[in-house]
Amino acid sequence: MFTNLYTKSLANMARAVQTVSPSIAGQMSSHLWSLPQKSGRFTWPKNIKRYDVRTKVGKIKVYKCGQGEPVGLVHDWSGSASDYWYLMLRFHEYDIPTVTFDFPGHDANSSQKVTVQHLIKAFDDISKVMLQHSHVICHRAAAYVVANSRWFKTYQRKLSLLAPRVTLNSVVADIAKQYRLNFETQTSSVKRLYSQDLLKATRLNAAEKLEKFGGDIAVCISESDRIGKDEKAFICSDQLNALVVSFNQSSERLLKSRSVFNTLLPHCA
């Protein structure tokens, strides 16, 4: 859902001109790339511990359920910590603690513009002060963010990827779909935005880093969603030493699927 008229107007104008002038549409949509669509407000129960963590890109809201070394839950672009509420409840039934947070620019932290590079920096900062994860679960673009963090270079425990996006192009395609924009229009706008940071997207291929991961890894694929060519190559790679399981559910439904939870649970043992 859009939560402000400015974002909605930008998306409408970009769609209106994208067939006539892709360059103008690209300039308009470059702003959308730094304005994630916001989730609806969620009221966290009183038994959930809430606290703030300061990072180089702003203050982050963190939510922890249970005591001890937690399973870390990392949400998608335009997602929120509350997306994981179902999984948090299920893990709590097995006395497995969990921790999640809202990325900058998302939900409780929605007052600023962000890029994926901001999310990577935020994840690195938050990992320095949070308890060491026994298991990290990533949804969609979160796989790209986590794999490209400095923290991931030394992490060797358990990792689960739900409908992962492993290249910037895949993340861009998802955002273009959210705003109903042509993929080519959104790609050009993203290149323009990231050129300001001198960031080369080819350096941030998450697939290469995930294929070298030395810990236990599980990949849950959504058969209901179109799987991108980069993700197909990643799943079929001879270098990937992972349990790969397919589910006939949308990538959003994977977060609320008991079958997916039953696949993830053994990784928490």
Protein backbone atom coordinates (compact mmCIF):
# COMPACT_ATOMS: atom_id res chain seq x y z
CA MET A 1 0.00 0.00 0.00
CA PHE A 2 1.12 3.55 -0.69
CA THR A 3 1.04 5.72 2.41
CA ASN A 4 1.46 9.21 0.93
CA LEU A 5 0.15 11.11 -2.07
CA TYR A 6 3.64 12.14 -3.17
CA THR A 7 4.79 8.56 -3.74
CA LYS A 8 1.53 7.60 -5.44
CA SER A 9 1.66 10.64 -7.73
CA LEU A 10 5.27 9.89 -8.75
CA ALA A 11 4.37 6.32 -9.67
CA ASN A 12 1.30 7.42 -11.65
CA MET A 13 3.27 10.05 -13.60
CA ALA A 14 6.12 7.65 -14.38
CA ARG A 15 3.67 5.05 -15.69
CA ALA A 16 1.89 7.68 -17.80
CA VAL A 17 5.05 8.76 -19.67
CA GLN A 18 7.15 5.59 -19.73
CA THR A 19 5.99 4.48 -23.21
CA VAL A 20 6.49 7.99 -24.67
CA SER A 21 9.68 9.03 -22.90
CA PRO A 22 11.51 6.31 -20.95
CA SER A 23 14.24 8.79 -19.94
CA ILE A 24 11.77 11.13 -18.24
CA ALA A 25 10.02 8.18 -16.62
CA GLY A 26 13.41 6.98 -15.40
CA GLN A 27 14.12 10.33 -13.76
CA MET A 28 10.76 10.23 -11.99
CA SER A 29 11.08 6.62 -10.87
CA SER A 30 14.59 7.16 -9.46
CA HIS A 31 12.90 8.80 -6.49
CA LEU A 32 10.63 5.78 -6.03
CA TRP A 33 13.70 3.55 -5.67
CA SER A 34 14.53 5.36 -2.42
CA LEU A 35 10.91 5.40 -1.16
CA PRO A 36 9.86 1.84 -0.25
CA GLN A 37 6.15 1.13 -0.21
CA LYS A 38 5.10 1.03 3.42
CA SER A 39 3.36 -1.81 5.21
CA GLY A 40 0.28 -1.23 7.34
CA ARG A 41 0.88 -0.48 11.00
CA PHE A 42 1.25 -3.51 13.23
CA THR A 43 0.71 -3.53 17.00
CA TRP A 44 3.38 -5.63 18.67
CA PRO A 45 2.28 -7.63 21.75
CA LYS A 46 3.58 -6.48 25.13
CA ASN A 47 5.75 -9.56 25.61
CA ILE A 48 7.92 -8.59 22.64
CA LYS A 49 11.05 -6.74 23.75
CA ARG A 50 11.50 -3.54 21.73
CA TYR A 51 14.57 -1.34 21.59
CA ASP A 52 16.46 1.04 19.30
CA VAL A 53 19.85 0.53 17.68
CA ARG A 54 21.73 3.49 16.23
CA THR A 55 23.45 2.94 12.89
CA LYS A 56 25.31 5.16 10.42
CA VAL A 57 22.10 5.43 8.41
CA GLY A 58 19.71 6.15 11.24
CA LYS A 59 18.01 4.60 14.25
CA ILE A 60 16.55 1.12 13.83
CA LYS A 61 13.65 -0.48 15.70
CA VAL A 62 14.42 -4.02 16.90
CA TYR A 63 11.93 -6.66 18.15
CA LYS A 64 12.96 -9.74 20.12
CA CYS A 65 10.86 -12.70 21.24
CA GLY A 66 12.26 -15.09 23.85
CA GLN A 67 15.58 -15.33 25.67
CA GLY A 68 18.95 -16.56 24.45
CA GLU A 69 20.72 -16.83 21.11
CA PRO A 70 18.08 -15.91 18.54
CA VAL A 71 17.17 -16.77 14.98
CA GLY A 72 17.64 -13.56 12.97
CA LEU A 73 14.83 -12.61 10.57
CA VAL A 74 15.61 -10.12 7.78
CA HIS A 75 12.75 -8.63 5.75
CA ASP A 76 12.37 -7.78 2.06
CA TRP A 77 12.53 -4.37 0.38
CA SER A 78 9.20 -2.63 1.12
CA GLY A 79 8.61 -5.25 3.81
CA SER A 80 8.75 -4.87 7.59
CA ALA A 81 9.66 -6.72 10.77
CA SER A 82 6.01 -7.62 11.30
CA ASP A 83 6.06 -9.75 8.13
CA TYR A 84 7.73 -12.39 10.30
CA TRP A 85 5.14 -12.44 13.06
CA TYR A 86 3.77 -15.86 12.03
CA LEU A 87 7.25 -17.42 12.08
CA MET A 88 8.05 -15.77 15.41
CA LEU A 89 4.95 -17.34 16.95
CA ARG A 90 5.76 -20.77 15.55
CA PHE A 91 9.37 -20.66 16.76
CA HIS A 92 8.18 -19.48 20.18
CA GLU A 93 6.09 -22.67 20.48
CA TYR A 94 9.40 -24.58 20.34
CA ASP A 95 11.14 -22.19 22.79
CA ILE A 96 13.35 -20.84 20.00
CA PRO A 97 14.06 -17.11 20.41
CA THR A 98 13.83 -14.80 17.40
CA VAL A 99 14.87 -11.24 16.61
CA THR A 100 13.92 -8.97 13.73
CA PHE A 101 14.02 -5.27 12.86
CA ASP A 102 12.73 -2.62 10.47
CA PHE A 103 15.30 -1.48 7.93
CA PRO A 104 15.81 2.29 7.53
CA GLY A 105 13.06 3.78 5.39
CA HIS A 106 10.67 0.95 6.28
CA ASP A 107 7.63 0.81 8.56
CA ALA A 108 8.64 2.12 12.03
CA ASN A 109 11.74 3.69 10.45
CA SER A 110 9.96 5.15 7.42
CA SER A 111 10.98 8.80 7.79
CA GLN A 112 14.01 8.67 5.46
CA LYS A 113 14.97 7.84 1.89
CA VAL A 114 17.17 4.79 1.42
CA THR A 115 18.90 2.67 -1.20
CA VAL A 116 19.91 -0.97 -0.99
CA GLN A 117 23.41 0.21 -0.10
CA HIS A 118 21.92 1.90 3.00
CA LEU A 119 20.33 -1.41 3.97
CA ILE A 120 23.67 -3.22 3.67
CA LYS A 121 25.36 -0.62 5.89
CA ALA A 122 22.51 -0.79 8.40
CA PHE A 123 22.70 -4.57 8.57
CA ASP A 124 26.44 -4.42 9.27
CA ASP A 125 25.92 -1.92 12.08
CA ILE A 126 23.03 -3.76 13.68
CA SER A 127 24.93 -7.05 13.59
CA LYS A 128 27.68 -5.52 15.76
CA VAL A 129 25.36 -4.89 18.69
CA MET A 130 22.78 -7.66 18.43
CA LEU A 131 23.31 -11.14 19.85
CA GLN A 132 25.12 -13.57 17.56
CA HIS A 133 22.60 -15.36 15.38
CA SER A 134 22.35 -19.14 15.44
CA HIS A 135 20.38 -19.05 12.19
CA VAL A 136 19.51 -16.24 9.76
CA ILE A 137 16.38 -16.27 7.59
CA CYS A 138 16.20 -13.88 4.61
CA HIS A 139 13.16 -13.04 2.50
CA ARG A 140 13.65 -12.07 -1.15
CA ALA A 141 15.90 -8.96 -1.42
CA ALA A 142 17.20 -9.59 2.11
CA ALA A 143 19.37 -12.37 0.66
CA TYR A 144 21.08 -9.80 -1.56
CA VAL A 145 21.56 -7.40 1.36
CA VAL A 146 22.91 -9.96 3.83
CA ALA A 147 25.26 -11.70 1.37
CA ASN A 148 26.85 -8.37 0.47
CA SER A 149 27.46 -7.30 4.06
CA ARG A 150 30.85 -7.37 5.75
CA TRP A 151 29.25 -9.44 8.51
CA PHE A 152 28.52 -12.29 6.09
CA LYS A 153 32.21 -12.80 5.31
CA THR A 154 32.76 -14.38 8.72
CA TYR A 155 29.36 -15.98 9.32
CA GLN A 156 29.53 -19.78 9.02
CA ARG A 157 26.43 -21.08 10.79
CA LYS A 158 22.90 -21.58 9.39
CA LEU A 159 21.19 -19.65 6.63
CA SER A 160 17.74 -19.99 5.06
CA LEU A 161 16.65 -18.08 1.95
CA LEU A 162 12.96 -17.65 1.12
CA ALA A 163 12.41 -16.83 -2.58
CA PRO A 164 15.86 -15.18 -2.69
CA ARG A 165 16.89 -12.37 -5.03
CA VAL A 166 20.61 -12.69 -5.74
CA THR A 167 21.43 -9.79 -8.10
CA LEU A 168 20.55 -6.10 -8.22
CA ASN A 169 18.62 -6.71 -11.46
CA SER A 170 16.36 -9.17 -9.64
CA VAL A 171 15.71 -6.68 -6.84
CA VAL A 172 14.99 -3.96 -9.41
CA ALA A 173 12.56 -6.23 -11.25
CA ASP A 174 10.59 -6.74 -8.02
CA ILE A 175 10.40 -2.99 -7.37
CA ALA A 176 9.36 -2.31 -10.96
CA LYS A 177 6.56 -4.84 -10.50
CA GLN A 178 5.42 -3.15 -7.29
CA TYR A 179 5.09 0.20 -9.03
CA ARG A 180 3.83 -1.34 -12.31
CA LEU A 181 6.74 0.18 -14.26
CA ASN A 182 8.67 -1.24 -17.19
CA PHE A 183 11.76 -3.09 -16.01
CA GLU A 184 13.95 -1.15 -18.47
CA THR A 185 12.67 2.18 -17.09
CA GLN A 186 13.45 1.21 -13.52
CA THR A 187 16.86 -0.23 -14.42
CA SER A 188 18.01 3.03 -15.98
CA SER A 189 16.82 5.01 -12.97
CA VAL A 190 18.64 2.69 -10.56
CA LYS A 191 21.90 2.99 -12.52
CA ARG A 192 21.55 6.77 -12.36
CA LEU A 193 20.95 6.72 -8.63
CA TYR A 194 23.77 4.33 -7.80
CA SER A 195 26.30 6.08 -10.02
CA GLN A 196 26.26 8.89 -7.46
CA ASP A 197 27.78 6.46 -4.95
CA LEU A 198 30.22 5.03 -7.54
CA LEU A 199 28.70 1.66 -6.75
CA LYS A 200 29.25 -1.03 -9.37
CA ALA A 201 26.39 -3.51 -9.22
CA THR A 202 28.52 -6.25 -10.76
CA ARG A 203 30.66 -6.26 -7.61
CA LEU A 204 27.62 -7.10 -5.54
CA ASN A 205 26.55 -10.42 -7.05
CA ALA A 206 25.13 -12.23 -4.03
CA ALA A 207 25.02 -15.57 -5.85
CA GLU A 208 28.81 -15.84 -5.92
CA LYS A 209 29.05 -15.16 -2.18
CA LEU A 210 26.21 -17.53 -1.28
CA GLU A 211 27.73 -20.34 -3.35
CA LYS A 212 30.88 -20.09 -1.23
CA PHE A 213 28.98 -20.12 2.08
CA GLY A 214 30.55 -22.65 4.43
CA GLY A 215 27.64 -23.18 6.80
CA ASP A 216 24.31 -25.02 6.43
CA ILE A 217 22.02 -23.43 3.84
CA ALA A 218 18.41 -24.06 2.81
CA VAL A 219 16.63 -22.40 -0.12
CA CYS A 220 12.82 -22.30 -0.31
CA ILE A 221 11.57 -21.52 -3.82
CA SER A 222 8.12 -20.24 -4.77
CA GLU A 223 6.78 -22.08 -7.81
CA SER A 224 3.89 -19.61 -8.04
CA ASP A 225 6.21 -16.68 -8.79
CA ARG A 226 8.34 -16.30 -11.89
CA ILE A 227 11.89 -17.27 -11.00
CA GLY A 228 14.45 -14.95 -12.59
CA LYS A 229 17.29 -16.25 -14.74
CA ASP A 230 19.86 -15.25 -12.12
CA GLU A 231 18.00 -17.20 -9.46
CA LYS A 232 17.65 -20.23 -11.74
CA ALA A 233 21.39 -20.21 -12.39
CA PHE A 234 22.03 -19.89 -8.65
CA ILE A 235 19.74 -22.78 -7.70
CA CYS A 236 21.20 -25.05 -10.40
CA SER A 237 24.82 -24.12 -9.70
CA ASP A 238 27.18 -27.02 -9.06
CA GLN A 239 28.91 -24.85 -6.47
CA LEU A 240 25.78 -24.39 -4.33
CA ASN A 241 25.76 -26.92 -1.49
CA ALA A 242 22.21 -26.35 -0.25
CA LEU A 243 18.92 -28.04 0.50
CA VAL A 244 16.52 -26.63 -2.14
CA VAL A 245 12.78 -27.11 -1.60
CA SER A 246 9.97 -25.87 -3.89
CA PHE A 247 6.55 -24.76 -2.68
CA ASN A 248 3.44 -24.04 -4.71
CA GLN A 249 2.85 -20.73 -2.92
CA SER A 250 3.62 -17.10 -3.64
CA SER A 251 6.81 -15.66 -2.20
CA GLU A 252 4.72 -13.64 0.28
CA ARG A 253 2.87 -16.74 1.46
CA LEU A 254 6.15 -18.51 2.22
CA LEU A 255 6.37 -16.43 5.41
CA LYS A 256 3.05 -17.82 6.66
CA SER A 257 3.35 -21.41 5.45
CA ARG A 258 3.44 -24.25 7.97
CA SER A 259 5.20 -26.42 5.37
CA VAL A 260 7.96 -23.83 5.06
CA PHE A 261 8.22 -23.59 8.85
CA ASN A 262 8.58 -27.38 9.06
CA THR A 263 11.46 -27.11 6.57
CA LEU A 264 13.16 -24.35 8.56
CA LEU A 265 12.72 -25.93 11.99
CA PRO A 266 15.44 -28.63 11.67
CA HIS A 267 17.95 -25.88 10.91
CA CYS A 268 17.31 -24.42 14.35
CA ALA A 269 18.27 -27.57 16.23
